[in-house]
N, C-alpha and C. Protein backbone atom coordinates (compact mmCIF):
# COMPACT_ATOMS: atom_id res chain seq x y z
N MET A 1 0.82 -1.19 0.00
CA MET A 1 0.00 0.00 0.00
C MET A 1 0.86 1.26 0.00
N VAL A 2 1.94 1.25 0.79
CA VAL A 2 2.85 2.39 0.84
C VAL A 2 3.51 2.60 -0.52
N ARG A 3 3.92 1.49 -1.16
CA ARG A 3 4.53 1.59 -2.48
C ARG A 3 3.58 2.20 -3.49
N LEU A 4 2.32 1.83 -3.42
CA LEU A 4 1.32 2.36 -4.34
C LEU A 4 1.16 3.87 -4.13
N ARG A 5 1.14 4.32 -2.88
CA ARG A 5 1.04 5.76 -2.60
C ARG A 5 2.24 6.51 -3.14
N VAL A 6 3.42 5.97 -2.91
CA VAL A 6 4.64 6.61 -3.42
C VAL A 6 4.60 6.69 -4.94
N LEU A 7 4.17 5.61 -5.59
CA LEU A 7 4.05 5.59 -7.03
C LEU A 7 3.04 6.63 -7.51
N LEU A 8 1.89 6.73 -6.84
CA LEU A 8 0.87 7.70 -7.23
C LEU A 8 1.35 9.14 -7.02
N ILE A 9 2.08 9.39 -5.95
CA ILE A 9 2.63 10.74 -5.71
C ILE A 9 3.61 11.09 -6.82
N GLY A 10 4.47 10.14 -7.16
CA GLY A 10 5.43 10.37 -8.25
C GLY A 10 4.73 10.63 -9.57
N LEU A 11 3.69 9.87 -9.85
CA LEU A 11 2.93 10.04 -11.08
C LEU A 11 2.25 11.40 -11.12
N LYS A 12 1.69 11.83 -9.99
CA LYS A 12 1.05 13.15 -9.92
C LYS A 12 2.06 14.25 -10.22
N ARG A 13 3.26 14.11 -9.69
CA ARG A 13 4.30 15.12 -9.94
C ARG A 13 4.66 15.18 -11.42
N LEU A 14 4.78 14.02 -12.04
CA LEU A 14 5.10 14.01 -13.46
C LEU A 14 3.97 14.61 -14.29
N LEU A 15 2.74 14.26 -13.95
CA LEU A 15 1.60 14.78 -14.69
C LEU A 15 1.42 16.28 -14.50
N ALA A 16 1.83 16.77 -13.35
CA ALA A 16 1.74 18.21 -13.07
C ALA A 16 2.79 18.99 -13.85
N ARG A 17 3.72 18.26 -14.49
CA ARG A 17 4.78 18.87 -15.30
C ARG A 17 5.57 19.88 -14.50
N ASP A 18 5.99 19.44 -13.34
CA ASP A 18 6.83 20.25 -12.46
C ASP A 18 7.99 20.81 -13.26
N ASP A 19 8.10 22.15 -13.32
CA ASP A 19 9.14 22.80 -14.11
C ASP A 19 10.54 22.36 -13.70
N SER A 20 10.74 22.07 -12.42
CA SER A 20 12.07 21.64 -11.99
C SER A 20 12.44 20.30 -12.61
N LEU A 21 11.46 19.43 -12.82
CA LEU A 21 11.73 18.14 -13.48
C LEU A 21 12.16 18.36 -14.92
N VAL A 22 11.48 19.28 -15.60
CA VAL A 22 11.82 19.57 -16.99
C VAL A 22 13.22 20.17 -17.07
N ARG A 23 13.52 21.12 -16.19
CA ARG A 23 14.84 21.75 -16.18
C ARG A 23 15.93 20.72 -15.87
N ASN A 24 15.67 19.83 -14.91
CA ASN A 24 16.69 18.86 -14.52
C ASN A 24 16.99 17.86 -15.63
N ARG A 25 16.05 17.54 -16.49
CA ARG A 25 16.34 16.59 -17.56
C ARG A 25 17.23 17.20 -18.63
N ARG A 26 17.38 18.52 -18.62
CA ARG A 26 18.29 19.18 -19.56
C ARG A 26 19.74 19.01 -19.13
N LEU A 27 19.95 18.91 -17.84
CA LEU A 27 21.29 18.80 -17.27
C LEU A 27 21.70 17.33 -17.24
N TYR A 28 22.81 17.01 -17.86
CA TYR A 28 23.30 15.64 -18.00
C TYR A 28 22.22 14.72 -18.57
N PRO A 29 21.74 15.04 -19.77
CA PRO A 29 20.66 14.24 -20.36
C PRO A 29 21.14 12.88 -20.85
N ASN A 30 20.20 11.96 -21.02
CA ASN A 30 20.50 10.64 -21.59
C ASN A 30 20.50 10.68 -23.11
N LEU A 31 19.77 11.64 -23.66
CA LEU A 31 19.65 11.79 -25.11
C LEU A 31 19.73 13.27 -25.45
N PRO A 32 20.07 13.60 -26.71
CA PRO A 32 20.01 15.01 -27.11
C PRO A 32 18.58 15.53 -26.97
N ILE A 33 18.46 16.80 -26.68
CA ILE A 33 17.15 17.43 -26.51
C ILE A 33 16.89 18.32 -27.72
N ILE A 34 15.67 18.24 -28.25
CA ILE A 34 15.30 19.02 -29.43
C ILE A 34 14.80 20.38 -28.98
N GLY A 35 15.44 21.41 -29.53
CA GLY A 35 15.04 22.78 -29.24
C GLY A 35 14.72 23.51 -30.52
N VAL A 36 14.09 24.67 -30.37
CA VAL A 36 13.75 25.52 -31.51
C VAL A 36 14.16 26.95 -31.21
N GLY A 37 14.36 27.71 -32.27
CA GLY A 37 14.68 29.12 -32.13
C GLY A 37 14.01 29.90 -33.24
N ALA A 38 13.83 31.21 -33.00
CA ALA A 38 13.17 32.07 -33.97
C ALA A 38 14.05 33.28 -34.27
N LEU A 39 14.41 33.44 -35.53
CA LEU A 39 15.08 34.66 -35.96
C LEU A 39 13.97 35.60 -36.44
N ILE A 40 13.52 36.45 -35.52
CA ILE A 40 12.40 37.35 -35.79
C ILE A 40 12.94 38.59 -36.48
N ARG A 41 12.45 38.84 -37.70
CA ARG A 41 12.96 39.94 -38.51
C ARG A 41 11.86 40.96 -38.79
N GLU A 42 12.30 42.23 -38.77
CA GLU A 42 11.39 43.31 -39.16
C GLU A 42 12.22 44.56 -39.42
N LYS A 43 12.01 45.16 -40.59
CA LYS A 43 12.66 46.42 -40.96
C LYS A 43 14.17 46.38 -40.79
N GLY A 44 14.81 45.30 -41.22
CA GLY A 44 16.26 45.21 -41.18
C GLY A 44 16.85 44.90 -39.82
N LYS A 45 15.99 44.62 -38.85
CA LYS A 45 16.45 44.30 -37.50
C LYS A 45 15.98 42.90 -37.11
N VAL A 46 16.65 42.34 -36.09
CA VAL A 46 16.22 41.06 -35.51
C VAL A 46 16.11 41.22 -34.00
N VAL A 47 15.30 40.36 -33.38
CA VAL A 47 15.18 40.36 -31.93
C VAL A 47 16.23 39.41 -31.35
N LEU A 48 17.01 39.91 -30.41
CA LEU A 48 17.95 39.07 -29.67
C LEU A 48 17.62 39.18 -28.19
N ILE A 49 17.89 38.08 -27.47
CA ILE A 49 17.62 38.04 -26.03
C ILE A 49 18.91 37.77 -25.27
N LYS A 50 18.98 38.33 -24.09
CA LYS A 50 20.09 38.02 -23.18
C LYS A 50 19.58 36.90 -22.28
N ARG A 51 20.22 35.75 -22.35
CA ARG A 51 19.76 34.55 -21.67
C ARG A 51 19.83 34.70 -20.15
N GLY A 52 18.74 34.30 -19.49
CA GLY A 52 18.68 34.36 -18.04
C GLY A 52 19.01 33.05 -17.35
N ASN A 53 19.11 31.97 -18.13
CA ASN A 53 19.39 30.64 -17.58
C ASN A 53 20.53 29.97 -18.33
N GLU A 54 21.12 28.97 -17.68
CA GLU A 54 22.13 28.14 -18.33
C GLU A 54 21.44 27.21 -19.32
N PRO A 55 22.11 26.75 -20.34
CA PRO A 55 23.49 27.08 -20.66
C PRO A 55 23.59 28.47 -21.26
N SER A 56 24.77 29.03 -21.22
CA SER A 56 25.09 30.33 -21.83
C SER A 56 24.37 31.51 -21.17
N LYS A 57 24.13 31.40 -19.88
CA LYS A 57 23.51 32.49 -19.14
C LYS A 57 24.32 33.77 -19.34
N GLY A 58 23.62 34.87 -19.63
CA GLY A 58 24.27 36.16 -19.82
C GLY A 58 24.71 36.43 -21.25
N LYS A 59 24.66 35.42 -22.12
CA LYS A 59 25.00 35.62 -23.52
C LYS A 59 23.73 35.92 -24.31
N TRP A 60 23.92 36.45 -25.50
CA TRP A 60 22.80 36.83 -26.37
C TRP A 60 22.53 35.74 -27.39
N SER A 61 21.24 35.51 -27.65
CA SER A 61 20.83 34.51 -28.63
C SER A 61 19.46 34.89 -29.17
N VAL A 62 18.92 34.04 -30.01
CA VAL A 62 17.54 34.23 -30.48
C VAL A 62 16.61 33.57 -29.47
N PRO A 63 15.35 34.02 -29.40
CA PRO A 63 14.41 33.37 -28.48
C PRO A 63 14.10 31.95 -28.94
N GLY A 64 13.79 31.10 -27.98
CA GLY A 64 13.44 29.72 -28.31
C GLY A 64 13.41 28.87 -27.07
N GLY A 65 13.24 27.57 -27.28
CA GLY A 65 13.17 26.66 -26.16
C GLY A 65 13.01 25.23 -26.62
N ILE A 66 12.46 24.43 -25.74
CA ILE A 66 12.36 22.99 -25.95
C ILE A 66 11.01 22.62 -26.57
N VAL A 67 11.05 21.67 -27.50
CA VAL A 67 9.83 21.13 -28.09
C VAL A 67 9.20 20.18 -27.07
N GLU A 68 7.92 20.38 -26.80
CA GLU A 68 7.21 19.51 -25.86
C GLU A 68 6.74 18.24 -26.57
N LEU A 69 6.59 17.18 -25.82
CA LEU A 69 6.13 15.91 -26.37
C LEU A 69 4.79 16.10 -27.08
N GLY A 70 4.71 15.66 -28.33
CA GLY A 70 3.48 15.75 -29.10
C GLY A 70 3.26 17.09 -29.80
N GLU A 71 4.15 18.04 -29.57
CA GLU A 71 4.01 19.37 -30.15
C GLU A 71 4.72 19.43 -31.51
N GLU A 72 4.09 20.06 -32.48
CA GLU A 72 4.75 20.24 -33.76
C GLU A 72 5.80 21.33 -33.63
N VAL A 73 6.87 21.19 -34.39
CA VAL A 73 8.02 22.09 -34.25
C VAL A 73 7.64 23.55 -34.46
N ARG A 74 6.92 23.86 -35.51
CA ARG A 74 6.53 25.25 -35.78
C ARG A 74 5.65 25.81 -34.66
N ASP A 75 4.80 24.97 -34.10
CA ASP A 75 3.97 25.41 -32.96
C ASP A 75 4.85 25.72 -31.76
N ALA A 76 5.91 24.93 -31.57
CA ALA A 76 6.84 25.17 -30.46
C ALA A 76 7.54 26.52 -30.63
N VAL A 77 7.92 26.85 -31.86
CA VAL A 77 8.57 28.13 -32.12
C VAL A 77 7.63 29.27 -31.70
N ALA A 78 6.40 29.23 -32.18
CA ALA A 78 5.44 30.30 -31.88
C ALA A 78 5.15 30.38 -30.37
N ARG A 79 5.00 29.23 -29.72
CA ARG A 79 4.73 29.21 -28.28
C ARG A 79 5.89 29.80 -27.49
N GLU A 80 7.11 29.39 -27.81
CA GLU A 80 8.28 29.88 -27.08
C GLU A 80 8.43 31.39 -27.21
N VAL A 81 8.22 31.92 -28.42
CA VAL A 81 8.33 33.37 -28.63
C VAL A 81 7.26 34.10 -27.82
N LEU A 82 6.05 33.58 -27.84
CA LEU A 82 4.97 34.21 -27.07
C LEU A 82 5.27 34.17 -25.57
N GLU A 83 5.74 33.03 -25.08
CA GLU A 83 6.06 32.91 -23.65
C GLU A 83 7.21 33.83 -23.24
N GLU A 84 8.28 33.84 -24.03
CA GLU A 84 9.47 34.60 -23.64
C GLU A 84 9.36 36.09 -23.91
N LEU A 85 8.64 36.46 -24.99
CA LEU A 85 8.67 37.86 -25.44
C LEU A 85 7.31 38.53 -25.58
N GLY A 86 6.23 37.77 -25.47
CA GLY A 86 4.91 38.37 -25.63
C GLY A 86 4.57 38.71 -27.07
N LEU A 87 5.34 38.20 -28.01
CA LEU A 87 5.08 38.46 -29.43
C LEU A 87 4.42 37.27 -30.09
N GLN A 88 3.44 37.56 -30.92
CA GLN A 88 2.85 36.53 -31.77
C GLN A 88 3.60 36.60 -33.09
N VAL A 89 4.00 35.44 -33.61
CA VAL A 89 4.79 35.42 -34.84
C VAL A 89 4.19 34.47 -35.86
N ARG A 90 4.49 34.78 -37.11
CA ARG A 90 4.23 33.85 -38.20
C ARG A 90 5.57 33.16 -38.46
N VAL A 91 5.59 31.86 -38.32
CA VAL A 91 6.82 31.09 -38.48
C VAL A 91 7.04 30.81 -39.96
N GLY A 92 8.25 31.13 -40.42
CA GLY A 92 8.60 30.96 -41.82
C GLY A 92 9.44 29.72 -42.06
N ASP A 93 10.39 29.85 -42.96
CA ASP A 93 11.23 28.73 -43.39
C ASP A 93 12.28 28.36 -42.34
N LEU A 94 12.68 27.10 -42.40
CA LEU A 94 13.77 26.61 -41.58
C LEU A 94 15.08 27.23 -42.09
N ILE A 95 15.86 27.80 -41.18
CA ILE A 95 17.17 28.35 -41.53
C ILE A 95 18.20 27.23 -41.51
N GLY A 96 18.14 26.43 -40.45
CA GLY A 96 19.09 25.34 -40.33
C GLY A 96 18.99 24.64 -39.00
N ALA A 97 19.74 23.56 -38.87
CA ALA A 97 19.84 22.81 -37.62
C ALA A 97 21.22 23.07 -37.03
N PHE A 98 21.25 23.34 -35.75
CA PHE A 98 22.50 23.65 -35.06
C PHE A 98 22.60 22.76 -33.84
N GLU A 99 23.83 22.48 -33.44
CA GLU A 99 24.05 21.60 -32.29
C GLU A 99 24.83 22.35 -31.23
N ASN A 100 24.41 22.17 -29.99
CA ASN A 100 25.12 22.78 -28.86
C ASN A 100 25.40 21.69 -27.84
N VAL A 101 26.66 21.30 -27.75
CA VAL A 101 27.08 20.28 -26.78
C VAL A 101 28.04 20.95 -25.81
N VAL A 102 27.71 20.89 -24.52
CA VAL A 102 28.55 21.46 -23.47
C VAL A 102 29.01 20.32 -22.58
N ARG A 103 30.32 20.24 -22.36
CA ARG A 103 30.88 19.19 -21.51
C ARG A 103 31.40 19.81 -20.22
N ASP A 104 31.36 19.03 -19.15
CA ASP A 104 31.89 19.50 -17.87
C ASP A 104 33.41 19.27 -17.83
N ASP A 105 34.01 19.57 -16.70
CA ASP A 105 35.47 19.44 -16.55
C ASP A 105 35.97 18.00 -16.73
N ASN A 106 35.08 17.03 -16.51
CA ASN A 106 35.44 15.62 -16.67
C ASN A 106 35.09 15.08 -18.06
N LYS A 107 34.75 16.00 -18.96
CA LYS A 107 34.40 15.66 -20.35
C LYS A 107 33.07 14.93 -20.49
N LYS A 108 32.26 14.93 -19.44
CA LYS A 108 30.93 14.33 -19.50
C LYS A 108 29.97 15.36 -20.11
N VAL A 109 29.02 14.87 -20.92
CA VAL A 109 28.06 15.77 -21.56
C VAL A 109 27.13 16.37 -20.50
N LYS A 110 27.22 17.68 -20.36
CA LYS A 110 26.39 18.41 -19.39
C LYS A 110 25.09 18.87 -20.04
N TYR A 111 25.18 19.36 -21.28
CA TYR A 111 24.02 19.76 -22.08
C TYR A 111 24.24 19.26 -23.50
N HIS A 112 23.15 18.86 -24.16
CA HIS A 112 23.23 18.50 -25.58
C HIS A 112 21.90 18.84 -26.23
N PHE A 113 21.93 19.89 -27.04
CA PHE A 113 20.73 20.34 -27.74
C PHE A 113 20.93 20.27 -29.24
N VAL A 114 19.91 19.83 -29.94
CA VAL A 114 19.83 19.95 -31.39
C VAL A 114 18.75 20.99 -31.62
N ILE A 115 19.14 22.12 -32.22
CA ILE A 115 18.24 23.27 -32.31
C ILE A 115 17.86 23.53 -33.76
N LEU A 116 16.57 23.60 -34.01
CA LEU A 116 16.03 23.93 -35.33
C LEU A 116 15.62 25.39 -35.31
N ASP A 117 16.31 26.22 -36.10
CA ASP A 117 16.03 27.66 -36.11
C ASP A 117 15.25 28.04 -37.36
N TYR A 118 14.23 28.87 -37.15
CA TYR A 118 13.32 29.30 -38.21
C TYR A 118 13.29 30.81 -38.32
N PHE A 119 13.03 31.30 -39.54
CA PHE A 119 12.70 32.70 -39.72
C PHE A 119 11.30 32.91 -39.13
N ALA A 120 11.06 34.11 -38.60
CA ALA A 120 9.72 34.45 -38.09
C ALA A 120 9.51 35.95 -38.27
N GLU A 121 8.25 36.33 -38.38
CA GLU A 121 7.92 37.75 -38.44
C GLU A 121 6.81 38.04 -37.43
N PRO A 122 6.91 39.18 -36.76
CA PRO A 122 5.90 39.51 -35.75
C PRO A 122 4.56 39.86 -36.41
N VAL A 123 3.48 39.39 -35.80
CA VAL A 123 2.13 39.71 -36.30
C VAL A 123 1.25 40.28 -35.19
N GLY A 124 1.77 40.36 -33.97
CA GLY A 124 1.00 40.91 -32.87
C GLY A 124 1.78 40.88 -31.57
N GLY A 125 1.23 41.53 -30.57
CA GLY A 125 1.86 41.54 -29.26
C GLY A 125 2.81 42.71 -29.09
N VAL A 126 3.35 42.81 -27.88
CA VAL A 126 4.30 43.87 -27.53
C VAL A 126 5.53 43.22 -26.92
N LEU A 127 6.72 43.64 -27.37
CA LEU A 127 7.97 43.06 -26.87
C LEU A 127 8.12 43.30 -25.38
N ARG A 128 8.24 42.22 -24.63
CA ARG A 128 8.50 42.23 -23.19
C ARG A 128 9.22 40.95 -22.85
N THR A 129 9.73 40.82 -21.64
CA THR A 129 10.48 39.61 -21.29
C THR A 129 9.81 38.88 -20.14
N ASN A 130 10.07 37.57 -20.06
CA ASN A 130 9.63 36.78 -18.92
C ASN A 130 10.85 36.48 -18.04
N SER A 131 10.68 35.59 -17.06
CA SER A 131 11.75 35.32 -16.10
C SER A 131 12.95 34.58 -16.70
N GLU A 132 12.80 33.98 -17.89
CA GLU A 132 13.91 33.26 -18.53
C GLU A 132 14.83 34.20 -19.31
N VAL A 133 14.39 35.44 -19.51
CA VAL A 133 15.10 36.38 -20.36
C VAL A 133 15.47 37.62 -19.55
N ASP A 134 16.76 37.97 -19.52
CA ASP A 134 17.20 39.16 -18.79
C ASP A 134 16.92 40.44 -19.55
N GLU A 135 16.98 40.37 -20.88
CA GLU A 135 16.78 41.56 -21.71
C GLU A 135 16.45 41.11 -23.13
N ALA A 136 15.71 41.95 -23.85
CA ALA A 136 15.41 41.68 -25.26
C ALA A 136 15.47 43.00 -26.00
N ARG A 137 15.98 42.93 -27.25
CA ARG A 137 16.04 44.16 -28.03
C ARG A 137 16.06 43.86 -29.53
N TRP A 138 15.58 44.85 -30.29
CA TRP A 138 15.68 44.81 -31.74
C TRP A 138 17.07 45.30 -32.10
N CYS A 139 17.77 44.59 -32.97
CA CYS A 139 19.16 44.93 -33.30
C CYS A 139 19.39 45.00 -34.81
N LEU A 140 20.13 46.01 -35.21
CA LEU A 140 20.69 46.06 -36.55
C LEU A 140 21.91 45.12 -36.58
N PRO A 141 22.37 44.71 -37.78
CA PRO A 141 23.51 43.78 -37.83
C PRO A 141 24.73 44.24 -37.05
N LYS A 142 25.13 45.49 -37.19
CA LYS A 142 26.35 45.97 -36.52
C LYS A 142 26.22 45.85 -35.01
N VAL A 143 25.06 46.19 -34.47
CA VAL A 143 24.83 46.08 -33.02
C VAL A 143 24.81 44.62 -32.60
N ALA A 144 24.10 43.79 -33.36
CA ALA A 144 24.00 42.37 -33.02
C ALA A 144 25.37 41.73 -32.90
N TRP A 145 26.25 42.01 -33.85
CA TRP A 145 27.57 41.39 -33.86
C TRP A 145 28.50 41.96 -32.79
N SER A 146 28.13 43.08 -32.18
CA SER A 146 28.95 43.64 -31.10
C SER A 146 28.60 43.03 -29.74
N LEU A 147 27.49 42.28 -29.69
CA LEU A 147 27.05 41.66 -28.43
C LEU A 147 27.81 40.36 -28.16
N ASN A 148 27.74 39.91 -26.93
CA ASN A 148 28.36 38.64 -26.53
C ASN A 148 27.41 37.50 -26.94
N LEU A 149 27.48 37.12 -28.22
CA LEU A 149 26.57 36.12 -28.78
C LEU A 149 27.05 34.71 -28.47
N THR A 150 26.08 33.78 -28.37
CA THR A 150 26.46 32.37 -28.27
C THR A 150 27.05 31.95 -29.62
N SER A 151 27.85 30.90 -29.62
CA SER A 151 28.47 30.45 -30.88
C SER A 151 27.41 29.98 -31.87
N THR A 152 26.34 29.35 -31.38
CA THR A 152 25.30 28.90 -32.30
C THR A 152 24.54 30.08 -32.90
N THR A 153 24.39 31.16 -32.14
CA THR A 153 23.72 32.35 -32.67
C THR A 153 24.59 33.01 -33.74
N ARG A 154 25.90 33.04 -33.52
CA ARG A 154 26.80 33.57 -34.55
C ARG A 154 26.66 32.77 -35.85
N SER A 155 26.64 31.45 -35.72
CA SER A 155 26.48 30.59 -36.90
C SER A 155 25.14 30.83 -37.57
N LEU A 156 24.10 30.95 -36.78
CA LEU A 156 22.76 31.19 -37.30
C LEU A 156 22.69 32.51 -38.07
N LEU A 157 23.18 33.59 -37.46
CA LEU A 157 23.13 34.90 -38.11
C LEU A 157 23.92 34.89 -39.41
N ARG A 158 25.06 34.24 -39.40
CA ARG A 158 25.89 34.14 -40.60
C ARG A 158 25.14 33.36 -41.69
N GLN A 159 24.56 32.23 -41.32
CA GLN A 159 23.84 31.41 -42.30
C GLN A 159 22.62 32.13 -42.85
N ALA A 160 21.97 32.96 -42.02
CA ALA A 160 20.78 33.70 -42.45
C ALA A 160 21.14 34.96 -43.24
N GLY A 161 22.44 35.27 -43.34
CA GLY A 161 22.87 36.45 -44.08
C GLY A 161 22.72 37.74 -43.30
N PHE A 162 22.54 37.65 -41.99
CA PHE A 162 22.38 38.83 -41.14
C PHE A 162 23.74 39.21 -40.58
N VAL A 163 24.54 39.85 -41.43
CA VAL A 163 25.89 40.24 -41.05
C VAL A 163 26.07 41.72 -41.35
N PRO A 164 27.01 42.37 -40.67
CA PRO A 164 27.27 43.78 -40.98
C PRO A 164 27.65 43.95 -42.45
N LEU A 165 27.32 45.07 -43.02
CA LEU A 165 27.51 45.32 -44.45
C LEU A 165 28.95 45.04 -44.89
N ARG A 166 29.94 45.49 -44.12
CA ARG A 166 31.34 45.30 -44.51
C ARG A 166 31.69 43.82 -44.62
N GLU A 167 31.24 43.01 -43.64
CA GLU A 167 31.53 41.57 -43.69
C GLU A 167 30.82 40.93 -44.87
N ASN A 168 29.60 41.37 -45.15
CA ASN A 168 28.83 40.83 -46.26
C ASN A 168 29.52 41.14 -47.59
N LEU A 169 30.03 42.37 -47.74
CA LEU A 169 30.72 42.74 -48.98
C LEU A 169 32.02 41.96 -49.13
N THR A 170 32.77 41.80 -48.03
CA THR A 170 34.01 41.04 -48.07
C THR A 170 33.74 39.61 -48.52
N LYS A 171 32.67 39.01 -48.01
CA LYS A 171 32.31 37.65 -48.38
C LYS A 171 32.00 37.56 -49.87
N ARG A 172 31.27 38.56 -50.40
CA ARG A 172 30.93 38.57 -51.83
C ARG A 172 32.17 38.73 -52.70
N VAL A 173 33.09 39.59 -52.26
CA VAL A 173 34.32 39.79 -53.03
C VAL A 173 35.13 38.50 -53.07
N ARG A 174 35.26 37.84 -51.93
CA ARG A 174 36.00 36.56 -51.90
C ARG A 174 35.36 35.55 -52.83
N ALA A 175 34.04 35.47 -52.82
CA ALA A 175 33.33 34.51 -53.67
C ALA A 175 33.56 34.85 -55.16
N ALA A 176 33.58 36.15 -55.48
CA ALA A 176 33.77 36.57 -56.87
C ALA A 176 35.18 36.26 -57.37
N LEU A 177 36.16 36.28 -56.45
CA LEU A 177 37.55 36.03 -56.82
C LEU A 177 37.87 34.54 -57.01
N ARG A 178 36.98 33.68 -56.59
CA ARG A 178 37.24 32.23 -56.71
C ARG A 178 37.13 31.74 -58.11
């Protein structure tokens, strides 16, 4: 009888989707975790957030999060942006898949995310932050590249063509000379 009660209490906690359980499965996971991100564009600017949680706490990235069980990827993108920033977005094309693996001092995998990043455009809401985000701002390319960006965000911005004009011209010149 005691075992049954313990089992039922444990089941109730899982069904309640205790946020601490979700956060803890990110740390030293058994499998890679699927995440999503949104490169929200408008008038030559993108939204970047200063991360409030690990991994990469204090660094700048695009808004996003974890895909929930049974949730479609594009729906996860829209949900995460709404939760983190209060913006409703129309999710566009996939930019690319990026991987973020962080190892501890003993070389054990501490975090492992496979992140699918999408273009998005705002269709409603007002930019604000929740408890997971320390700051959010619209950035021109030059400002974006001056921030302390995560390595995956640098790769994403480069792949999306969101680079300062000088770097973009240099890239075109190199390509033309080949």
